[in-house]
Amino acid sequence: MNVGVAFAKQSAQFWIRIEVPDGATVQQVIEQSGLLDQFPEIDLAVNRVGIFGALTKLDKPVKDGDRVEVYRPIHPDAELLDRKDG
């Protein structure tokens, strides 16, 4: 089955479609995608994950056409970090 994997941070974005076996879990999809190799700062014990914007667990099986997303932690003062004085 064909699924997508997405991750974004301020300086980079990752989007890939991959073929996975029936019954593959969110975690297996993320690991197979190469995302963790490209972004070693991702810690699946910390980062939340979802499918099409809905939070889910790593052991949830995916369905054909799903988009698995890895979310980066949001800094409590995120709105202030991007503001420029002046």
PDB file of N, CA and C in Angstrom:
ATOM      1  N   MET A   1       0.843  -1.175   0.000  1.00  0.00           N
ATOM      2  CA  MET A   1       0.000   0.000   0.000  1.00  0.00           C
ATOM      3  C   MET A   1       0.886   1.235   0.000  1.00  0.00           C
ATOM      4  N   ASN A   2       0.346   2.329  -0.460  1.00  0.00           N
ATOM      5  CA  ASN A   2       1.101   3.556  -0.641  1.00  0.00           C
ATOM      6  C   ASN A   2       0.678   4.571   0.417  1.00  0.00           C
ATOM      7  N   VAL A   3       1.661   5.105   1.174  1.00  0.00           N
ATOM      8  CA  VAL A   3       1.390   6.115   2.199  1.00  0.00           C
ATOM      9  C   VAL A   3       2.404   7.244   2.076  1.00  0.00           C
ATOM     10  N   GLY A   4       2.054   8.390   2.623  1.00  0.00           N
ATOM     11  CA  GLY A   4       2.948   9.528   2.650  1.00  0.00           C
ATOM     12  C   GLY A   4       3.485   9.748   4.048  1.00  0.00           C
ATOM     13  N   VAL A   5       4.645  10.386   4.118  1.00  0.00           N
ATOM     14  CA  VAL A   5       5.253  10.754   5.402  1.00  0.00           C
ATOM     15  C   VAL A   5       5.665  12.217   5.295  1.00  0.00           C
ATOM     16  N   ALA A   6       5.303  13.005   6.313  1.00  0.00           N
ATOM     17  CA  ALA A   6       5.590  14.435   6.282  1.00  0.00           C
ATOM     18  C   ALA A   6       6.183  14.898   7.607  1.00  0.00           C
ATOM     19  N   PHE A   7       7.133  15.833   7.488  1.00  0.00           N
ATOM     20  CA  PHE A   7       7.726  16.500   8.643  1.00  0.00           C
ATOM     21  C   PHE A   7       8.179  17.867   8.173  1.00  0.00           C
ATOM     22  N   ALA A   8       7.980  18.870   9.004  1.00  0.00           N
ATOM     23  CA  ALA A   8       8.418  20.218   8.635  1.00  0.00           C
ATOM     24  C   ALA A   8       8.987  20.922   9.853  1.00  0.00           C
ATOM     25  N   LYS A   9      10.026  21.678   9.602  1.00  0.00           N
ATOM     26  CA  LYS A   9      10.546  22.599  10.609  1.00  0.00           C
ATOM     27  C   LYS A   9      10.842  23.891   9.878  1.00  0.00           C
ATOM     28  N   GLN A  10      11.236  24.899  10.592  1.00  0.00           N
ATOM     29  CA  GLN A  10      11.376  26.212   9.982  1.00  0.00           C
ATOM     30  C   GLN A  10      12.339  26.203   8.790  1.00  0.00           C
ATOM     31  N   SER A  11      13.409  25.415   8.878  1.00  0.00           N
ATOM     32  CA  SER A  11      14.434  25.462   7.846  1.00  0.00           C
ATOM     33  C   SER A  11      14.373  24.322   6.835  1.00  0.00           C
ATOM     34  N   ALA A  12      13.485  23.348   7.013  1.00  0.00           N
ATOM     35  CA  ALA A  12      13.449  22.206   6.098  1.00  0.00           C
ATOM     36  C   ALA A  12      12.089  21.525   6.130  1.00  0.00           C
ATOM     37  N   GLN A  13      11.787  20.878   5.013  1.00  0.00           N
ATOM     38  CA  GLN A  13      10.550  20.113   4.927  1.00  0.00           C
ATOM     39  C   GLN A  13      10.860  18.756   4.322  1.00  0.00           C
ATOM     40  N   PHE A  14      10.107  17.751   4.742  1.00  0.00           N
ATOM     41  CA  PHE A  14      10.289  16.392   4.260  1.00  0.00           C
ATOM     42  C   PHE A  14       8.926  15.862   3.857  1.00  0.00           C
ATOM     43  N   TRP A  15       8.832  15.356   2.644  1.00  0.00           N
ATOM     44  CA  TRP A  15       7.592  14.734   2.169  1.00  0.00           C
ATOM     45  C   TRP A  15       7.989  13.614   1.221  1.00  0.00           C
ATOM     46  N   ILE A  16       7.509  12.426   1.491  1.00  0.00           N
ATOM     47  CA  ILE A  16       7.823  11.284   0.644  1.00  0.00           C
ATOM     48  C   ILE A  16       6.630  10.341   0.638  1.00  0.00           C
ATOM     49  N   ARG A  17       6.436   9.672  -0.490  1.00  0.00           N
ATOM     50  CA  ARG A  17       5.443   8.599  -0.586  1.00  0.00           C
ATOM     51  C   ARG A  17       6.222   7.300  -0.690  1.00  0.00           C
ATOM     52  N   ILE A  18       5.791   6.307   0.078  1.00  0.00           N
ATOM     53  CA  ILE A  18       6.486   5.025   0.071  1.00  0.00           C
ATOM     54  C   ILE A  18       5.479   3.879   0.045  1.00  0.00           C
ATOM     55  N   GLU A  19       5.953   2.747  -0.417  1.00  0.00           N
ATOM     56  CA  GLU A  19       5.172   1.518  -0.391  1.00  0.00           C
ATOM     57  C   GLU A  19       5.501   0.777   0.899  1.00  0.00           C
ATOM     58  N   VAL A  20       4.469   0.366   1.618  1.00  0.00           N
ATOM     59  CA  VAL A  20       4.644  -0.394   2.858  1.00  0.00           C
ATOM     60  C   VAL A  20       3.723  -1.608   2.809  1.00  0.00           C
ATOM     61  N   PRO A  21       4.077  -2.647   3.557  1.00  0.00           N
ATOM     62  CA  PRO A  21       3.218  -3.833   3.559  1.00  0.00           C
ATOM     63  C   PRO A  21       1.918  -3.583   4.316  1.00  0.00           C
ATOM     64  N   ASP A  22       0.887  -4.332   3.963  1.00  0.00           N
ATOM     65  CA  ASP A  22      -0.375  -4.276   4.705  1.00  0.00           C
ATOM     66  C   ASP A  22      -0.087  -4.542   6.175  1.00  0.00           C
ATOM     67  N   GLY A  23      -0.749  -3.801   7.057  1.00  0.00           N
ATOM     68  CA  GLY A  23      -0.555  -3.980   8.490  1.00  0.00           C
ATOM     69  C   GLY A  23       0.583  -3.163   9.077  1.00  0.00           C
ATOM     70  N   ALA A  24       1.295  -2.395   8.245  1.00  0.00           N
ATOM     71  CA  ALA A  24       2.396  -1.569   8.748  1.00  0.00           C
ATOM     72  C   ALA A  24       1.850  -0.532   9.730  1.00  0.00           C
ATOM     73  N   THR A  25       2.633  -0.247  10.764  1.00  0.00           N
ATOM     74  CA  THR A  25       2.231   0.735  11.768  1.00  0.00           C
ATOM     75  C   THR A  25       2.836   2.099  11.451  1.00  0.00           C
ATOM     76  N   VAL A  26       2.336   3.094  12.146  1.00  0.00           N
ATOM     77  CA  VAL A  26       2.868   4.453  11.995  1.00  0.00           C
ATOM     78  C   VAL A  26       4.382   4.446  12.223  1.00  0.00           C
ATOM     79  N   GLN A  27       4.839   3.788  13.276  1.00  0.00           N
ATOM     80  CA  GLN A  27       6.273   3.757  13.565  1.00  0.00           C
ATOM     81  C   GLN A  27       7.052   3.080  12.438  1.00  0.00           C
ATOM     82  N   GLN A  28       6.563   1.972  11.930  1.00  0.00           N
ATOM     83  CA  GLN A  28       7.255   1.277  10.851  1.00  0.00           C
ATOM     84  C   GLN A  28       7.335   2.139   9.597  1.00  0.00           C
ATOM     85  N   VAL A  29       6.278   2.871   9.312  1.00  0.00           N
ATOM     86  CA  VAL A  29       6.263   3.760   8.151  1.00  0.00           C
ATOM     87  C   VAL A  29       7.317   4.851   8.318  1.00  0.00           C
ATOM     88  N   ILE A  30       7.368   5.463   9.497  1.00  0.00           N
ATOM     89  CA  ILE A  30       8.345   6.529   9.754  1.00  0.00           C
ATOM     90  C   ILE A  30       9.757   5.982   9.616  1.00  0.00           C
ATOM     91  N   GLU A  31      10.019   4.834  10.210  1.00  0.00           N
ATOM     92  CA  GLU A  31      11.358   4.244  10.141  1.00  0.00           C
ATOM     93  C   GLU A  31      11.734   3.892   8.703  1.00  0.00           C
ATOM     94  N   GLN A  32      10.813   3.331   7.949  1.00  0.00           N
ATOM     95  CA  GLN A  32      11.092   2.932   6.571  1.00  0.00           C
ATOM     96  C   GLN A  32      11.301   4.135   5.649  1.00  0.00           C
ATOM     97  N   SER A  33      10.725   5.267   5.997  1.00  0.00           N
ATOM     98  CA  SER A  33      10.786   6.452   5.130  1.00  0.00           C
ATOM     99  C   SER A  33      12.171   7.087   5.052  1.00  0.00           C
ATOM    100  N   GLY A  34      13.038   6.823   6.029  1.00  0.00           N
ATOM    101  CA  GLY A  34      14.343   7.486   6.070  1.00  0.00           C
ATOM    102  C   GLY A  34      14.311   8.809   6.802  1.00  0.00           C
ATOM    103  N   LEU A  35      13.153   9.212   7.298  1.00  0.00           N
ATOM    104  CA  LEU A  35      13.004  10.488   7.998  1.00  0.00           C
ATOM    105  C   LEU A  35      13.943  10.590   9.194  1.00  0.00           C
ATOM    106  N   LEU A  36      14.054   9.521   9.973  1.00  0.00           N
ATOM    107  CA  LEU A  36      14.875   9.570  11.190  1.00  0.00           C
ATOM    108  C   LEU A  36      16.363   9.699  10.865  1.00  0.00           C
ATOM    109  N   ASP A  37      16.777   9.193   9.709  1.00  0.00           N
ATOM    110  CA  ASP A  37      18.173   9.362   9.281  1.00  0.00           C
ATOM    111  C   ASP A  37      18.444  10.799   8.865  1.00  0.00           C
ATOM    112  N   GLN A  38      17.478  11.402   8.209  1.00  0.00           N
ATOM    113  CA  GLN A  38      17.646  12.770   7.711  1.00  0.00           C
ATOM    114  C   GLN A  38      17.513  13.811   8.823  1.00  0.00           C
ATOM    115  N   PHE A  39      16.701  13.507   9.841  1.00  0.00           N
ATOM    116  CA  PHE A  39      16.475  14.441  10.947  1.00  0.00           C
ATOM    117  C   PHE A  39      16.711  13.714  12.274  1.00  0.00           C
ATOM    118  N   PRO A  40      17.982  13.533  12.660  1.00  0.00           N
ATOM    119  CA  PRO A  40      18.282  12.775  13.881  1.00  0.00           C
ATOM    120  C   PRO A  40      17.755  13.424  15.156  1.00  0.00           C
ATOM    121  N   GLU A  41      17.322  14.660  15.088  1.00  0.00           N
ATOM    122  CA  GLU A  41      16.775  15.325  16.275  1.00  0.00           C
ATOM    123  C   GLU A  41      15.368  14.807  16.615  1.00  0.00           C
ATOM    124  N   ILE A  42      14.742  14.101  15.695  1.00  0.00           N
ATOM    125  CA  ILE A  42      13.417  13.543  15.967  1.00  0.00           C
ATOM    126  C   ILE A  42      13.568  12.375  16.934  1.00  0.00           C
ATOM    127  N   ASP A  43      12.798  12.416  17.992  1.00  0.00           N
ATOM    128  CA  ASP A  43      12.762  11.348  18.989  1.00  0.00           C
ATOM    129  C   ASP A  43      11.313  10.886  19.092  1.00  0.00           C
ATOM    130  N   LEU A  44      11.037   9.694  18.597  1.00  0.00           N
ATOM    131  CA  LEU A  44       9.653   9.224  18.581  1.00  0.00           C
ATOM    132  C   LEU A  44       9.081   9.010  19.974  1.00  0.00           C
ATOM    133  N   ALA A  45       9.935   9.019  20.993  1.00  0.00           N
ATOM    134  CA  ALA A  45       9.439   8.953  22.372  1.00  0.00           C
ATOM    135  C   ALA A  45       8.960  10.333  22.835  1.00  0.00           C
ATOM    136  N   VAL A  46       9.345  11.388  22.101  1.00  0.00           N
ATOM    137  CA  VAL A  46       9.009  12.765  22.476  1.00  0.00           C
ATOM    138  C   VAL A  46       8.066  13.408  21.459  1.00  0.00           C
ATOM    139  N   ASN A  47       8.442  13.336  20.178  1.00  0.00           N
ATOM    140  CA  ASN A  47       7.645  13.969  19.129  1.00  0.00           C
ATOM    141  C   ASN A  47       6.296  13.270  18.985  1.00  0.00           C
ATOM    142  N   ARG A  48       5.260  14.051  18.833  1.00  0.00           N
ATOM    143  CA  ARG A  48       3.933  13.495  18.597  1.00  0.00           C
ATOM    144  C   ARG A  48       3.802  13.138  17.121  1.00  0.00           C
ATOM    145  N   VAL A  49       2.905  12.224  16.839  1.00  0.00           N
ATOM    146  CA  VAL A  49       2.664  11.796  15.465  1.00  0.00           C
ATOM    147  C   VAL A  49       1.164  11.812  15.191  1.00  0.00           C
ATOM    148  N   GLY A  50       0.833  11.864  13.901  1.00  0.00           N
ATOM    149  CA  GLY A  50      -0.569  11.866  13.538  1.00  0.00           C
ATOM    150  C   GLY A  50      -0.778  11.348  12.135  1.00  0.00           C
ATOM    151  N   ILE A  51      -2.035  11.200  11.784  1.00  0.00           N
ATOM    152  CA  ILE A  51      -2.440  10.849  10.427  1.00  0.00           C
ATOM    153  C   ILE A  51      -3.450  11.902   9.992  1.00  0.00           C
ATOM    154  N   PHE A  52      -3.115  12.614   8.929  1.00  0.00           N
ATOM    155  CA  PHE A  52      -3.968  13.697   8.421  1.00  0.00           C
ATOM    156  C   PHE A  52      -4.363  14.679   9.517  1.00  0.00           C
ATOM    157  N   GLY A  53      -3.427  15.068  10.369  1.00  0.00           N
ATOM    158  CA  GLY A  53      -3.671  16.092  11.381  1.00  0.00           C
ATOM    159  C   GLY A  53      -4.322  15.614  12.660  1.00  0.00           C
ATOM    160  N   ALA A  54      -4.632  14.337  12.758  1.00  0.00           N
ATOM    161  CA  ALA A  54      -5.234  13.791  13.977  1.00  0.00           C
ATOM    162  C   ALA A  54      -4.172  12.997  14.739  1.00  0.00           C
ATOM    163  N   LEU A  55      -3.923  13.386  15.985  1.00  0.00           N
ATOM    164  CA  LEU A  55      -2.919  12.682  16.784  1.00  0.00           C
ATOM    165  C   LEU A  55      -3.248  11.199  16.859  1.00  0.00           C
ATOM    166  N   THR A  56      -2.197  10.386  16.833  1.00  0.00           N
ATOM    167  CA  THR A  56      -2.365   8.942  16.914  1.00  0.00           C
ATOM    168  C   THR A  56      -1.174   8.332  17.622  1.00  0.00           C
ATOM    169  N   LYS A  57      -1.220   7.033  17.821  1.00  0.00           N
ATOM    170  CA  LYS A  57      -0.136   6.319  18.489  1.00  0.00           C
ATOM    171  C   LYS A  57       0.749   5.635  17.461  1.00  0.00           C
ATOM    172  N   LEU A  58       1.987   5.371  17.873  1.00  0.00           N
ATOM    173  CA  LEU A  58       2.962   4.757  16.973  1.00  0.00           C
ATOM    174  C   LEU A  58       2.552   3.360  16.519  1.00  0.00           C
ATOM    175  N   ASP A  59       1.764   2.665  17.319  1.00  0.00           N
ATOM    176  CA  ASP A  59       1.407   1.293  16.959  1.00  0.00           C
ATOM    177  C   ASP A  59       0.118   1.187  16.132  1.00  0.00           C
ATOM    178  N   LYS A  60      -0.428   2.319  15.707  1.00  0.00           N
ATOM    179  CA  LYS A  60      -1.652   2.305  14.891  1.00  0.00           C
ATOM    180  C   LYS A  60      -1.317   1.850  13.473  1.00  0.00           C
ATOM    181  N   PRO A  61      -2.048   0.866  12.963  1.00  0.00           N
ATOM    182  CA  PRO A  61      -1.847   0.456  11.566  1.00  0.00           C
ATOM    183  C   PRO A  61      -2.306   1.568  10.618  1.00  0.00           C
ATOM    184  N   VAL A  62      -1.587   1.721   9.522  1.00  0.00           N
ATOM    185  CA  VAL A  62      -1.951   2.730   8.522  1.00  0.00           C
ATOM    186  C   VAL A  62      -2.801   2.088   7.433  1.00  0.00           C
ATOM    187  N   LYS A  63      -3.496   2.947   6.700  1.00  0.00           N
ATOM    188  CA  LYS A  63      -4.314   2.499   5.570  1.00  0.00           C
ATOM    189  C   LYS A  63      -3.740   3.097   4.294  1.00  0.00           C
ATOM    190  N   ASP A  64      -4.038   2.467   3.191  1.00  0.00           N
ATOM    191  CA  ASP A  64      -3.588   2.950   1.899  1.00  0.00           C
ATOM    192  C   ASP A  64      -4.012   4.406   1.717  1.00  0.00           C
ATOM    193  N   GLY A  65      -3.077   5.245   1.320  1.00  0.00           N
ATOM    194  CA  GLY A  65      -3.363   6.656   1.082  1.00  0.00           C
ATOM    195  C   GLY A  65      -3.184   7.559   2.290  1.00  0.00           C
ATOM    196  N   ASP A  66      -2.933   6.983   3.479  1.00  0.00           N
ATOM    197  CA  ASP A  66      -2.737   7.814   4.678  1.00  0.00           C
ATOM    198  C   ASP A  66      -1.517   8.716   4.529  1.00  0.00           C
ATOM    199  N   ARG A  67      -1.539   9.847   5.238  1.00  0.00           N
ATOM    200  CA  ARG A  67      -0.369  10.727   5.361  1.00  0.00           C
ATOM    201  C   ARG A  67       0.031  10.718   6.829  1.00  0.00           C
ATOM    202  N   VAL A  68       1.169  10.111   7.116  1.00  0.00           N
ATOM    203  CA  VAL A  68       1.714  10.061   8.474  1.00  0.00           C
ATOM    204  C   VAL A  68       2.511  11.337   8.695  1.00  0.00           C
ATOM    205  N   GLU A  69       2.284  11.987   9.818  1.00  0.00           N
ATOM    206  CA  GLU A  69       2.948  13.259  10.115  1.00  0.00           C
ATOM    207  C   GLU A  69       3.684  13.161  11.442  1.00  0.00           C
ATOM    208  N   VAL A  70       4.872  13.736  11.464  1.00  0.00           N
ATOM    209  CA  VAL A  70       5.646  13.849  12.705  1.00  0.00           C
ATOM    210  C   VAL A  70       5.666  15.322  13.052  1.00  0.00           C
ATOM    211  N   TYR A  71       5.245  15.639  14.272  1.00  0.00           N
ATOM    212  CA  TYR A  71       5.133  17.032  14.695  1.00  0.00           C
ATOM    213  C   TYR A  71       6.325  17.412  15.556  1.00  0.00           C
ATOM    214  N   ARG A  72       6.825  18.589  15.323  1.00  0.00           N
ATOM    215  CA  ARG A  72       7.924  19.081  16.155  1.00  0.00           C
ATOM    216  C   ARG A  72       7.349  19.766  17.384  1.00  0.00           C
ATOM    217  N   PRO A  73       8.097  19.714  18.475  1.00  0.00           N
ATOM    218  CA  PRO A  73       7.613  20.406  19.677  1.00  0.00           C
ATOM    219  C   PRO A  73       7.503  21.905  19.406  1.00  0.00           C
ATOM    220  N   ILE A  74       6.494  22.507  19.966  1.00  0.00           N
ATOM    221  CA  ILE A  74       6.297  23.949  19.831  1.00  0.00           C
ATOM    222  C   ILE A  74       6.821  24.627  21.094  1.00  0.00           C
ATOM    223  N   HIS A  75       7.693  25.589  20.890  1.00  0.00           N
ATOM    224  CA  HIS A  75       8.254  26.354  22.004  1.00  0.00           C
ATOM    225  C   HIS A  75       7.138  27.195  22.616  1.00  0.00           C
ATOM    226  N   PRO A  76       7.067  27.277  23.950  1.00  0.00           N
ATOM    227  CA  PRO A  76       5.973  28.031  24.579  1.00  0.00           C
ATOM    228  C   PRO A  76       5.889  29.491  24.131  1.00  0.00           C
ATOM    229  N   ASP A  77       7.014  30.060  23.732  1.00  0.00           N
ATOM    230  CA  ASP A  77       7.024  31.453  23.276  1.00  0.00           C
ATOM    231  C   ASP A  77       7.230  31.539  21.762  1.00  0.00           C
ATOM    232  N   ALA A  78       6.731  30.567  21.020  1.00  0.00           N
ATOM    233  CA  ALA A  78       6.966  30.489  19.577  1.00  0.00           C
ATOM    234  C   ALA A  78       6.585  31.770  18.844  1.00  0.00           C
ATOM    235  N   GLU A  79       5.476  32.378  19.234  1.00  0.00           N
ATOM    236  CA  GLU A  79       5.057  33.593  18.519  1.00  0.00           C
ATOM    237  C   GLU A  79       6.044  34.730  18.711  1.00  0.00           C
ATOM    238  N   LEU A  80       6.789  34.717  19.813  1.00  0.00           N
ATOM    239  CA  LEU A  80       7.761  35.767  20.062  1.00  0.00           C
ATOM    240  C   LEU A  80       9.088  35.505  19.353  1.00  0.00           C
ATOM    241  N   LEU A  81       9.396  34.246  19.062  1.00  0.00           N
ATOM    242  CA  LEU A  81      10.684  33.913  18.475  1.00  0.00           C
ATOM    243  C   LEU A  81      10.827  34.447  17.057  1.00  0.00           C
ATOM    244  N   ASP A  82       9.741  34.506  16.301  1.00  0.00           N
ATOM    245  CA  ASP A  82       9.811  34.952  14.912  1.00  0.00           C
ATOM    246  C   ASP A  82       9.604  36.451  14.752  1.00  0.00           C
ATOM    247  N   ARG A  83       9.227  37.135  15.805  1.00  0.00           N
ATOM    248  CA  ARG A  83       8.996  38.577  15.710  1.00  0.00           C
ATOM    249  C   ARG A  83      10.308  39.324  15.606  1.00  0.00           C
ATOM    250  N   LYS A  84      10.251  40.364  14.817  1.00  0.00           N
ATOM    251  CA  LYS A  84      11.423  41.234  14.695  1.00  0.00           C
ATOM    252  C   LYS A  84      11.094  42.556  15.369  1.00  0.00           C
ATOM    253  N   ASP A  85      12.042  43.047  16.137  1.00  0.00           N
ATOM    254  CA  ASP A  85      11.829  44.336  16.794  1.00  0.00           C
ATOM    255  C   ASP A  85      11.836  45.456  15.770  1.00  0.00           C
ATOM    256  N   GLY A  86      11.022  46.418  15.999  1.00  0.00           N
ATOM    257  CA  GLY A  86      11.111  47.575  15.165  1.00  0.00           C
ATOM    258  C   GLY A  86       9.862  47.901  14.520  1.00  0.00           C
TER     259      GLY A  86
END
